[in-house]
PDB file of all heavy atoms in Angstrom:
ATOM      1  N   ALA A   1     -11.432  26.450  20.049  1.00  0.00           N
ATOM      2  CA  ALA A   1     -10.703  27.706  20.247  1.00  0.00           C
ATOM      3  C   ALA A   1     -10.678  28.447  18.882  1.00  0.00           C
ATOM      4  O   ALA A   1     -10.567  27.841  17.860  1.00  0.00           O
ATOM      5  CB  ALA A   1      -9.339  27.511  20.808  1.00  0.00           C
ATOM      6  N   ASP A   2     -10.785  29.788  18.972  1.00  0.00           N
ATOM      7  CA  ASP A   2     -10.773  30.536  17.737  1.00  0.00           C
ATOM      8  C   ASP A   2      -9.493  30.299  16.926  1.00  0.00           C
ATOM      9  O   ASP A   2      -9.482  30.349  15.669  1.00  0.00           O
ATOM     10  CB  ASP A   2     -10.891  32.052  18.032  1.00  0.00           C
ATOM     11  CG  ASP A   2     -12.296  32.381  18.445  1.00  0.00           C
ATOM     12  OD1 ASP A   2     -13.243  31.631  18.194  1.00  0.00           O
ATOM     13  OD2 ASP A   2     -12.462  33.477  19.080  1.00  0.00           O
ATOM     14  N   SER A   3      -8.398  30.073  17.621  1.00  0.00           N
ATOM     15  CA  SER A   3      -7.072  29.888  16.951  1.00  0.00           C
ATOM     16  C   SER A   3      -6.963  28.631  16.117  1.00  0.00           C
ATOM     17  O   SER A   3      -6.123  28.544  15.261  1.00  0.00           O
ATOM     18  CB  SER A   3      -5.960  29.937  18.005  1.00  0.00           C
ATOM     19  OG  SER A   3      -6.128  28.890  18.946  1.00  0.00           O
ATOM     20  N   VAL A   4      -7.872  27.670  16.356  1.00  0.00           N
ATOM     21  CA  VAL A   4      -7.754  26.410  15.625  1.00  0.00           C
ATOM     22  C   VAL A   4      -8.998  26.120  14.801  1.00  0.00           C
ATOM     23  O   VAL A   4      -9.026  25.136  14.052  1.00  0.00           O
ATOM     24  CB  VAL A   4      -7.602  25.187  16.601  1.00  0.00           C
ATOM     25  CG1 VAL A   4      -6.395  25.455  17.471  1.00  0.00           C
ATOM     26  CG2 VAL A   4      -8.824  24.943  17.467  1.00  0.00           C
ATOM     27  N   LYS A   5      -9.994  27.005  14.890  1.00  0.00           N
ATOM     28  CA  LYS A   5     -11.244  26.782  14.131  1.00  0.00           C
ATOM     29  C   LYS A   5     -10.941  26.739  12.630  1.00  0.00           C
ATOM     30  O   LYS A   5     -10.255  27.612  12.106  1.00  0.00           O
ATOM     31  CB  LYS A   5     -12.246  27.855  14.490  1.00  0.00           C
ATOM     32  CG  LYS A   5     -13.690  27.601  14.012  1.00  0.00           C
ATOM     33  CD  LYS A   5     -14.621  28.685  14.575  1.00  0.00           C
ATOM     34  CE  LYS A   5     -14.690  28.624  16.085  1.00  0.00           C
ATOM     35  NZ  LYS A   5     -15.648  29.593  16.672  1.00  0.00           N
ATOM     36  N   GLY A   6     -11.478  25.737  11.954  1.00  0.00           N
ATOM     37  CA  GLY A   6     -11.281  25.569  10.546  1.00  0.00           C
ATOM     38  C   GLY A   6     -10.053  24.744  10.231  1.00  0.00           C
ATOM     39  O   GLY A   6      -9.904  24.312   9.056  1.00  0.00           O
ATOM     40  N   ARG A   7      -9.227  24.485  11.203  1.00  0.00           N
ATOM     41  CA  ARG A   7      -8.003  23.654  10.951  1.00  0.00           C
ATOM     42  C   ARG A   7      -8.047  22.339  11.725  1.00  0.00           C
ATOM     43  O   ARG A   7      -7.544  21.343  11.250  1.00  0.00           O
ATOM     44  CB  ARG A   7      -6.746  24.400  11.360  1.00  0.00           C
ATOM     45  CG  ARG A   7      -6.555  25.723  10.601  1.00  0.00           C
ATOM     46  CD  ARG A   7      -5.158  26.348  10.906  1.00  0.00           C
ATOM     47  NE  ARG A   7      -5.059  26.714  12.311  1.00  0.00           N
ATOM     48  CZ  ARG A   7      -4.168  26.234  13.186  1.00  0.00           C
ATOM     49  NH1 ARG A   7      -3.323  25.286  12.784  1.00  0.00           N
ATOM     50  NH2 ARG A   7      -4.151  26.651  14.408  1.00  0.00           N
ATOM     51  N   PHE A   8      -8.646  22.382  12.886  1.00  0.00           N
ATOM     52  CA  PHE A   8      -8.719  21.175  13.740  1.00  0.00           C
ATOM     53  C   PHE A   8     -10.173  20.657  13.757  1.00  0.00           C
ATOM     54  O   PHE A   8     -11.168  21.454  13.684  1.00  0.00           O
ATOM     55  CB  PHE A   8      -8.332  21.455  15.212  1.00  0.00           C
ATOM     56  CG  PHE A   8      -6.885  21.805  15.365  1.00  0.00           C
ATOM     57  CD1 PHE A   8      -5.995  21.953  14.334  1.00  0.00           C
ATOM     58  CD2 PHE A   8      -6.373  21.951  16.671  1.00  0.00           C
ATOM     59  CE1 PHE A   8      -4.700  22.287  14.507  1.00  0.00           C
ATOM     60  CE2 PHE A   8      -5.020  22.189  16.886  1.00  0.00           C
ATOM     61  CZ  PHE A   8      -4.204  22.388  15.820  1.00  0.00           C
ATOM     62  N   THR A   9     -10.325  19.321  13.868  1.00  0.00           N
ATOM     63  CA  THR A   9     -11.589  18.723  13.985  1.00  0.00           C
ATOM     64  C   THR A   9     -11.609  17.715  15.090  1.00  0.00           C
ATOM     65  O   THR A   9     -10.785  16.820  15.103  1.00  0.00           O
ATOM     66  CB  THR A   9     -12.062  18.068  12.636  1.00  0.00           C
ATOM     67  OG1 THR A   9     -12.031  18.991  11.568  1.00  0.00           O
ATOM     68  CG2 THR A   9     -13.447  17.509  12.794  1.00  0.00           C
ATOM     69  N   ILE A  10     -12.537  17.834  16.011  1.00  0.00           N
ATOM     70  CA  ILE A  10     -12.674  16.869  17.067  1.00  0.00           C
ATOM     71  C   ILE A  10     -13.795  15.899  16.795  1.00  0.00           C
ATOM     72  O   ILE A  10     -14.840  16.291  16.246  1.00  0.00           O
ATOM     73  CB  ILE A  10     -12.875  17.522  18.452  1.00  0.00           C
ATOM     74  CG1 ILE A  10     -12.796  16.564  19.617  1.00  0.00           C
ATOM     75  CG2 ILE A  10     -14.231  18.266  18.528  1.00  0.00           C
ATOM     76  CD1 ILE A  10     -12.735  17.172  20.996  1.00  0.00           C
ATOM     77  N   SER A  11     -13.593  14.631  17.105  1.00  0.00           N
ATOM     78  CA  SER A  11     -14.617  13.597  16.900  1.00  0.00           C
ATOM     79  C   SER A  11     -14.604  12.673  18.070  1.00  0.00           C
ATOM     80  O   SER A  11     -13.609  12.543  18.782  1.00  0.00           O
ATOM     81  CB  SER A  11     -14.408  12.882  15.563  1.00  0.00           C
ATOM     82  OG  SER A  11     -13.151  12.248  15.546  1.00  0.00           O
ATOM     83  N   ARG A  12     -15.711  11.949  18.225  1.00  0.00           N
ATOM     84  CA  ARG A  12     -15.816  11.046  19.369  1.00  0.00           C
ATOM     85  C   ARG A  12     -16.523   9.756  18.959  1.00  0.00           C
ATOM     86  O   ARG A  12     -17.478   9.786  18.201  1.00  0.00           O
ATOM     87  CB  ARG A  12     -16.630  11.748  20.464  1.00  0.00           C
ATOM     88  CG  ARG A  12     -16.869  10.940  21.725  1.00  0.00           C
ATOM     89  CD  ARG A  12     -17.519  11.839  22.807  1.00  0.00           C
ATOM     90  NE  ARG A  12     -17.862  11.051  24.001  1.00  0.00           N
ATOM     91  CZ  ARG A  12     -18.312  11.584  25.136  1.00  0.00           C
ATOM     92  NH1 ARG A  12     -18.473  12.915  25.187  1.00  0.00           N
ATOM     93  NH2 ARG A  12     -18.544  10.832  26.190  1.00  0.00           N
ATOM     94  N   ASP A  13     -15.978   8.665  19.467  1.00  0.00           N
ATOM     95  CA  ASP A  13     -16.632   7.354  19.235  1.00  0.00           C
ATOM     96  C   ASP A  13     -17.036   6.866  20.622  1.00  0.00           C
ATOM     97  O   ASP A  13     -16.248   6.409  21.423  1.00  0.00           O
ATOM     98  CB  ASP A  13     -15.606   6.402  18.632  1.00  0.00           C
ATOM     99  CG  ASP A  13     -16.251   5.014  18.232  1.00  0.00           C
ATOM    100  OD1 ASP A  13     -17.222   4.635  18.878  1.00  0.00           O
ATOM    101  OD2 ASP A  13     -15.756   4.386  17.264  1.00  0.00           O
ATOM    102  N   ASN A  14     -18.340   7.048  20.915  1.00  0.00           N
ATOM    103  CA  ASN A  14     -18.849   6.699  22.238  1.00  0.00           C
ATOM    104  C   ASN A  14     -18.725   5.225  22.522  1.00  0.00           C
ATOM    105  O   ASN A  14     -18.461   4.810  23.676  1.00  0.00           O
ATOM    106  CB  ASN A  14     -20.289   7.135  22.354  1.00  0.00           C
ATOM    107  CG  ASN A  14     -20.441   8.644  22.366  1.00  0.00           C
ATOM    108  OD1 ASN A  14     -19.527   9.408  22.812  1.00  0.00           O
ATOM    109  ND2 ASN A  14     -21.599   9.128  21.970  1.00  0.00           N
ATOM    110  N   ALA A  15     -18.947   4.384  21.526  1.00  0.00           N
ATOM    111  CA  ALA A  15     -18.920   2.930  21.739  1.00  0.00           C
ATOM    112  C   ALA A  15     -17.474   2.513  22.127  1.00  0.00           C
ATOM    113  O   ALA A  15     -17.302   1.625  22.963  1.00  0.00           O
ATOM    114  CB  ALA A  15     -19.327   2.216  20.530  1.00  0.00           C
ATOM    115  N   LYS A  16     -16.485   3.117  21.519  1.00  0.00           N
ATOM    116  CA  LYS A  16     -15.095   2.790  21.808  1.00  0.00           C
ATOM    117  C   LYS A  16     -14.494   3.618  22.949  1.00  0.00           C
ATOM    118  O   LYS A  16     -13.361   3.391  23.351  1.00  0.00           O
ATOM    119  CB  LYS A  16     -14.212   2.924  20.548  1.00  0.00           C
ATOM    120  CG  LYS A  16     -14.572   1.949  19.439  1.00  0.00           C
ATOM    121  CD  LYS A  16     -13.629   2.117  18.238  1.00  0.00           C
ATOM    122  CE  LYS A  16     -13.958   1.154  17.155  1.00  0.00           C
ATOM    123  NZ  LYS A  16     -13.085   1.256  16.016  1.00  0.00           N
ATOM    124  N   ARG A  17     -15.279   4.595  23.384  1.00  0.00           N
ATOM    125  CA  ARG A  17     -14.836   5.521  24.408  1.00  0.00           C
ATOM    126  C   ARG A  17     -13.498   6.217  24.001  1.00  0.00           C
ATOM    127  O   ARG A  17     -12.599   6.316  24.818  1.00  0.00           O
ATOM    128  CB  ARG A  17     -14.649   4.828  25.766  1.00  0.00           C
ATOM    129  CG  ARG A  17     -15.972   4.257  26.313  1.00  0.00           C
ATOM    130  CD  ARG A  17     -15.738   3.382  27.508  1.00  0.00           C
ATOM    131  NE  ARG A  17     -17.016   2.904  28.090  1.00  0.00           N
ATOM    132  CZ  ARG A  17     -17.085   1.952  28.999  1.00  0.00           C
ATOM    133  NH1 ARG A  17     -15.986   1.376  29.454  1.00  0.00           N
ATOM    134  NH2 ARG A  17     -18.280   1.595  29.438  1.00  0.00           N
ATOM    135  N   MET A  18     -13.536   6.714  22.808  1.00  0.00           N
ATOM    136  CA  MET A  18     -12.398   7.413  22.276  1.00  0.00           C
ATOM    137  C   MET A  18     -12.734   8.746  21.730  1.00  0.00           C
ATOM    138  O   MET A  18     -13.871   9.004  21.290  1.00  0.00           O
ATOM    139  CB  MET A  18     -11.705   6.572  21.143  1.00  0.00           C
ATOM    140  CG  MET A  18     -11.131   5.253  21.598  1.00  0.00           C
ATOM    141  SD  MET A  18     -10.161   4.459  20.290  1.00  0.00           S
ATOM    142  CE  MET A  18      -8.729   5.553  20.240  1.00  0.00           C
ATOM    143  N   VAL A  19     -11.759   9.657  21.774  1.00  0.00           N
ATOM    144  CA  VAL A  19     -11.876  10.992  21.194  1.00  0.00           C
ATOM    145  C   VAL A  19     -10.660  11.228  20.336  1.00  0.00           C
ATOM    146  O   VAL A  19      -9.567  10.834  20.725  1.00  0.00           O
ATOM    147  CB  VAL A  19     -12.074  12.070  22.256  1.00  0.00           C
ATOM    148  CG1 VAL A  19     -10.864  12.173  23.165  1.00  0.00           C
ATOM    149  CG2 VAL A  19     -12.438  13.404  21.580  1.00  0.00           C
ATOM    150  N   HIS A  20     -10.867  11.886  19.224  1.00  0.00           N
ATOM    151  CA  HIS A  20      -9.751  12.166  18.321  1.00  0.00           C
ATOM    152  C   HIS A  20      -9.677  13.659  17.992  1.00  0.00           C
ATOM    153  O   HIS A  20     -10.698  14.340  18.011  1.00  0.00           O
ATOM    154  CB  HIS A  20      -9.946  11.396  16.976  1.00  0.00           C
ATOM    155  CG  HIS A  20     -10.181   9.920  17.159  1.00  0.00           C
ATOM    156  ND1 HIS A  20      -9.127   9.019  17.355  1.00  0.00           N
ATOM    157  CD2 HIS A  20     -11.306   9.219  17.201  1.00  0.00           C
ATOM    158  CE1 HIS A  20      -9.608   7.792  17.489  1.00  0.00           C
ATOM    159  NE2 HIS A  20     -10.911   7.868  17.381  1.00  0.00           N
ATOM    160  N   LEU A  21      -8.519  14.077  17.670  1.00  0.00           N
ATOM    161  CA  LEU A  21      -8.327  15.493  17.247  1.00  0.00           C
ATOM    162  C   LEU A  21      -7.508  15.462  15.951  1.00  0.00           C
ATOM    163  O   LEU A  21      -6.286  15.150  15.952  1.00  0.00           O
ATOM    164  CB  LEU A  21      -7.609  16.314  18.292  1.00  0.00           C
ATOM    165  CG  LEU A  21      -7.438  17.761  17.952  1.00  0.00           C
ATOM    166  CD1 LEU A  21      -8.851  18.512  17.962  1.00  0.00           C
ATOM    167  CD2 LEU A  21      -6.541  18.510  18.949  1.00  0.00           C
ATOM    168  N   GLN A  22      -8.178  15.688  14.854  1.00  0.00           N
ATOM    169  CA  GLN A  22      -7.485  15.845  13.553  1.00  0.00           C
ATOM    170  C   GLN A  22      -6.961  17.266  13.410  1.00  0.00           C
ATOM    171  O   GLN A  22      -7.739  18.204  13.436  1.00  0.00           O
ATOM    172  CB  GLN A  22      -8.433  15.461  12.407  1.00  0.00           C
ATOM    173  CG  GLN A  22      -7.853  15.595  11.009  1.00  0.00           C
ATOM    174  CD  GLN A  22      -6.743  14.590  10.781  1.00  0.00           C
ATOM    175  OE1 GLN A  22      -6.890  13.406  11.158  1.00  0.00           O
ATOM    176  NE2 GLN A  22      -5.651  15.006  10.180  1.00  0.00           N
ATOM    177  N   MET A  23      -5.664  17.370  13.243  1.00  0.00           N
ATOM    178  CA  MET A  23      -5.029  18.690  13.162  1.00  0.00           C
ATOM    179  C   MET A  23      -4.437  18.851  11.832  1.00  0.00           C
ATOM    180  O   MET A  23      -3.477  18.143  11.464  1.00  0.00           O
ATOM    181  CB  MET A  23      -3.956  18.832  14.268  1.00  0.00           C
ATOM    182  CG  MET A  23      -4.468  18.604  15.692  1.00  0.00           C
ATOM    183  SD  MET A  23      -3.191  18.893  16.954  1.00  0.00           S
ATOM    184  CE  MET A  23      -2.055  17.567  16.616  1.00  0.00           C
ATOM    185  N   ASP A  24      -4.917  19.770  11.036  1.00  0.00           N
ATOM    186  CA  ASP A  24      -4.444  20.072   9.697  1.00  0.00           C
ATOM    187  C   ASP A  24      -3.899  21.485   9.654  1.00  0.00           C
ATOM    188  O   ASP A  24      -4.201  22.303  10.527  1.00  0.00           O
ATOM    189  CB  ASP A  24      -5.586  19.930   8.658  1.00  0.00           C
ATOM    190  CG  ASP A  24      -6.130  18.504   8.569  1.00  0.00           C
ATOM    191  OD1 ASP A  24      -5.348  17.555   8.671  1.00  0.00           O
ATOM    192  OD2 ASP A  24      -7.352  18.388   8.431  1.00  0.00           O
ATOM    193  N   SER A  25      -3.111  21.731   8.626  1.00  0.00           N
ATOM    194  CA  SER A  25      -2.520  23.064   8.454  1.00  0.00           C
ATOM    195  C   SER A  25      -1.812  23.550   9.699  1.00  0.00           C
ATOM    196  O   SER A  25      -2.043  24.652  10.168  1.00  0.00           O
ATOM    197  CB  SER A  25      -3.590  24.034   7.983  1.00  0.00           C
ATOM    198  OG  SER A  25      -4.190  23.626   6.775  1.00  0.00           O
ATOM    199  N   LEU A  26      -1.023  22.732  10.289  1.00  0.00           N
ATOM    200  CA  LEU A  26      -0.393  23.025  11.550  1.00  0.00           C
ATOM    201  C   LEU A  26       0.567  24.208  11.443  1.00  0.00           C
ATOM    202  O   LEU A  26       1.235  24.382  10.448  1.00  0.00           O
ATOM    203  CB  LEU A  26       0.351  21.797  12.074  1.00  0.00           C
ATOM    204  CG  LEU A  26      -0.567  20.793  12.770  1.00  0.00           C
ATOM    205  CD1 LEU A  26       0.144  19.401  12.862  1.00  0.00           C
ATOM    206  CD2 LEU A  26      -1.025  21.274  14.111  1.00  0.00           C
ATOM    207  N   LYS A  27       0.668  24.991  12.456  1.00  0.00           N
ATOM    208  CA  LYS A  27       1.481  26.201  12.565  1.00  0.00           C
ATOM    209  C   LYS A  27       2.461  26.041  13.719  1.00  0.00           C
ATOM    210  O   LYS A  27       2.180  25.313  14.685  1.00  0.00           O
ATOM    211  CB  LYS A  27       0.666  27.423  12.784  1.00  0.00           C
ATOM    212  CG  LYS A  27      -0.414  27.644  11.679  1.00  0.00           C
ATOM    213  CD  LYS A  27      -1.270  28.853  12.064  1.00  0.00           C
ATOM    214  CE  LYS A  27      -2.355  29.095  11.013  1.00  0.00           C
ATOM    215  NZ  LYS A  27      -3.240  30.263  11.376  1.00  0.00           N
ATOM    216  N   PRO A  28       3.610  26.676  13.651  1.00  0.00           N
ATOM    217  CA  PRO A  28       4.519  26.628  14.784  1.00  0.00           C
ATOM    218  C   PRO A  28       3.874  27.045  16.122  1.00  0.00           C
ATOM    219  O   PRO A  28       4.283  26.474  17.170  1.00  0.00           O
ATOM    220  CB  PRO A  28       5.639  27.624  14.394  1.00  0.00           C
ATOM    221  CG  PRO A  28       5.603  27.601  12.911  1.00  0.00           C
ATOM    222  CD  PRO A  28       4.166  27.471  12.517  1.00  0.00           C
ATOM    223  N   GLU A  29       2.936  27.951  16.092  1.00  0.00           N
ATOM    224  CA  GLU A  29       2.298  28.325  17.354  1.00  0.00           C
ATOM    225  C   GLU A  29       1.384  27.281  17.964  1.00  0.00           C
ATOM    226  O   GLU A  29       0.859  27.428  19.015  1.00  0.00           O
ATOM    227  CB  GLU A  29       1.498  29.642  17.145  1.00  0.00           C
ATOM    228  CG  GLU A  29       0.553  29.629  15.951  1.00  0.00           C
ATOM    229  CD  GLU A  29       1.197  30.266  14.722  1.00  0.00           C
ATOM    230  OE1 GLU A  29       2.364  30.034  14.439  1.00  0.00           O
ATOM    231  OE2 GLU A  29       0.489  31.085  14.059  1.00  0.00           O
ATOM    232  N   ASP A  30       1.140  26.185  17.213  1.00  0.00           N
ATOM    233  CA  ASP A  30       0.433  25.054  17.756  1.00  0.00           C
ATOM    234  C   ASP A  30       1.284  24.202  18.638  1.00  0.00           C
ATOM    235  O   ASP A  30       0.752  23.231  19.294  1.00  0.00           O
ATOM    236  CB  ASP A  30      -0.161  24.213  16.627  1.00  0.00           C
ATOM    237  CG  ASP A  30      -1.247  24.903  15.803  1.00  0.00           C
ATOM    238  OD1 ASP A  30      -2.039  25.621  16.400  1.00  0.00           O
ATOM    239  OD2 ASP A  30      -1.212  24.804  14.535  1.00  0.00           O
ATOM    240  N   THR A  31       2.576  24.410  18.662  1.00  0.00           N
ATOM    241  CA  THR A  31       3.491  23.621  19.471  1.00  0.00           C
ATOM    242  C   THR A  31       3.145  23.736  20.926  1.00  0.00           C
ATOM    243  O   THR A  31       3.081  24.796  21.501  1.00  0.00           O
ATOM    244  CB  THR A  31       4.945  24.085  19.230  1.00  0.00           C
ATOM    245  OG1 THR A  31       5.319  23.873  17.879  1.00  0.00           O
ATOM    246  CG2 THR A  31       5.894  23.323  20.153  1.00  0.00           C
ATOM    247  N   ALA A  32       2.900  22.588  21.591  1.00  0.00           N
ATOM    248  CA  ALA A  32       2.534  22.497  22.969  1.00  0.00           C
ATOM    249  C   ALA A  32       2.401  21.062  23.389  1.00  0.00           C
ATOM    250  O   ALA A  32       2.402  20.157  22.564  1.00  0.00           O
ATOM    251  CB  ALA A  32       1.188  23.231  23.205  1.00  0.00           C
ATOM    252  N   ALA A  33       2.221  20.879  24.697  1.00  0.00           N
ATOM    253  CA  ALA A  33       1.798  19.570  25.220  1.00  0.00           C
ATOM    254  C   ALA A  33       0.309  19.545  25.206  1.00  0.00           C
ATOM    255  O   ALA A  33      -0.357  20.456  25.699  1.00  0.00           O
ATOM    256  CB  ALA A  33       2.361  19.398  26.689  1.00  0.00           C
ATOM    257  N   TYR A  34      -0.193  18.529  24.602  1.00  0.00           N
ATOM    258  CA  TYR A  34      -1.652  18.346  24.462  1.00  0.00           C
ATOM    259  C   TYR A  34      -2.183  17.308  25.463  1.00  0.00           C
ATOM    260  O   TYR A  34      -1.603  16.204  25.527  1.00  0.00           O
ATOM    261  CB  TYR A  34      -2.002  17.951  23.013  1.00  0.00           C
ATOM    262  CG  TYR A  34      -1.936  19.058  22.037  1.00  0.00           C
ATOM    263  CD1 TYR A  34      -0.687  19.578  21.709  1.00  0.00           C
ATOM    264  CD2 TYR A  34      -3.074  19.631  21.468  1.00  0.00           C
ATOM    265  CE1 TYR A  34      -0.640  20.666  20.801  1.00  0.00           C
ATOM    266  CE2 TYR A  34      -3.003  20.674  20.571  1.00  0.00           C
ATOM    267  CZ  TYR A  34      -1.799  21.216  20.252  1.00  0.00           C
ATOM    268  OH  TYR A  34      -1.697  22.221  19.332  1.00  0.00           O
ATOM    269  N   TYR A  35      -3.225  17.628  26.180  1.00  0.00           N
ATOM    270  CA  TYR A  35      -3.800  16.795  27.196  1.00  0.00           C
ATOM    271  C   TYR A  35      -5.219  16.431  26.873  1.00  0.00           C
ATOM    272  O   TYR A  35      -6.034  17.294  26.567  1.00  0.00           O
ATOM    273  CB  TYR A  35      -3.715  17.466  28.586  1.00  0.00           C
ATOM    274  CG  TYR A  35      -2.297  17.751  29.041  1.00  0.00           C
ATOM    275  CD1 TYR A  35      -1.717  18.987  28.758  1.00  0.00           C
ATOM    276  CD2 TYR A  35      -1.607  16.859  29.834  1.00  0.00           C
ATOM    277  CE1 TYR A  35      -0.438  19.266  29.186  1.00  0.00           C
ATOM    278  CE2 TYR A  35      -0.309  17.113  30.222  1.00  0.00           C
ATOM    279  CZ  TYR A  35       0.274  18.373  29.937  1.00  0.00           C
ATOM    280  OH  TYR A  35       1.528  18.623  30.325  1.00  0.00           O
ATOM    281  N   CYS A  36      -5.542  15.161  27.019  1.00  0.00           N
ATOM    282  CA  CYS A  36      -6.881  14.691  26.881  1.00  0.00           C
ATOM    283  C   CYS A  36      -7.612  14.832  28.210  1.00  0.00           C
ATOM    284  O   CYS A  36      -7.039  14.548  29.279  1.00  0.00           O
ATOM    285  CB  CYS A  36      -6.871  13.199  26.446  1.00  0.00           C
ATOM    286  SG  CYS A  36      -8.541  12.509  26.251  1.00  0.00           S
ATOM    287  N   ASN A  37      -8.854  15.267  28.155  1.00  0.00           N
ATOM    288  CA  ASN A  37      -9.616  15.447  29.337  1.00  0.00           C
ATOM    289  C   ASN A  37     -11.022  14.733  29.205  1.00  0.00           C
ATOM    290  O   ASN A  37     -11.664  14.897  28.159  1.00  0.00           O
ATOM    291  CB  ASN A  37      -9.880  16.910  29.610  1.00  0.00           C
ATOM    292  CG  ASN A  37     -10.891  17.184  30.716  1.00  0.00           C
ATOM    293  OD1 ASN A  37     -12.058  17.528  30.419  1.00  0.00           O
ATOM    294  ND2 ASN A  37     -10.484  17.059  31.966  1.00  0.00           N
ATOM    295  N   GLY A  38     -11.412  14.023  30.204  1.00  0.00           N
ATOM    296  CA  GLY A  38     -12.693  13.466  30.360  1.00  0.00           C
ATOM    297  C   GLY A  38     -13.459  14.106  31.462  1.00  0.00           C
ATOM    298  O   GLY A  38     -12.999  14.046  32.623  1.00  0.00           O
ATOM    299  N   GLU A  39     -14.534  14.773  31.193  1.00  0.00           N
ATOM    300  CA  GLU A  39     -15.242  15.552  32.169  1.00  0.00           C
ATOM    301  C   GLU A  39     -16.520  14.809  32.581  1.00  0.00           C
ATOM    302  O   GLU A  39     -17.272  14.295  31.762  1.00  0.00           O
ATOM    303  CB  GLU A  39     -15.599  16.922  31.577  1.00  0.00           C
ATOM    304  CG  GLU A  39     -16.258  17.899  32.569  1.00  0.00           C
ATOM    305  CD  GLU A  39     -17.770  17.969  32.431  1.00  0.00           C
ATOM    306  OE1 GLU A  39     -18.276  17.734  31.348  1.00  0.00           O
ATOM    307  OE2 GLU A  39     -18.435  18.240  33.447  1.00  0.00           O
ATOM    308  N   GLY A  40     -16.720  14.763  33.892  1.00  0.00           N
ATOM    309  CA  GLY A  40     -17.944  14.152  34.407  1.00  0.00           C
ATOM    310  C   GLY A  40     -18.086  12.653  34.116  1.00  0.00           C
ATOM    311  O   GLY A  40     -19.138  12.191  33.710  1.00  0.00           O
TER     312      GLY A  40
END
């Protein structure tokens, strides 16, 4: 999303079947419930 570009980084470990979201320089407007999604 444009609002997080440059601040958040998503990564994936296929072997471990995990996904991570590194969130830096957090802002109050980032406050929310965050949901993980696996598609297909």
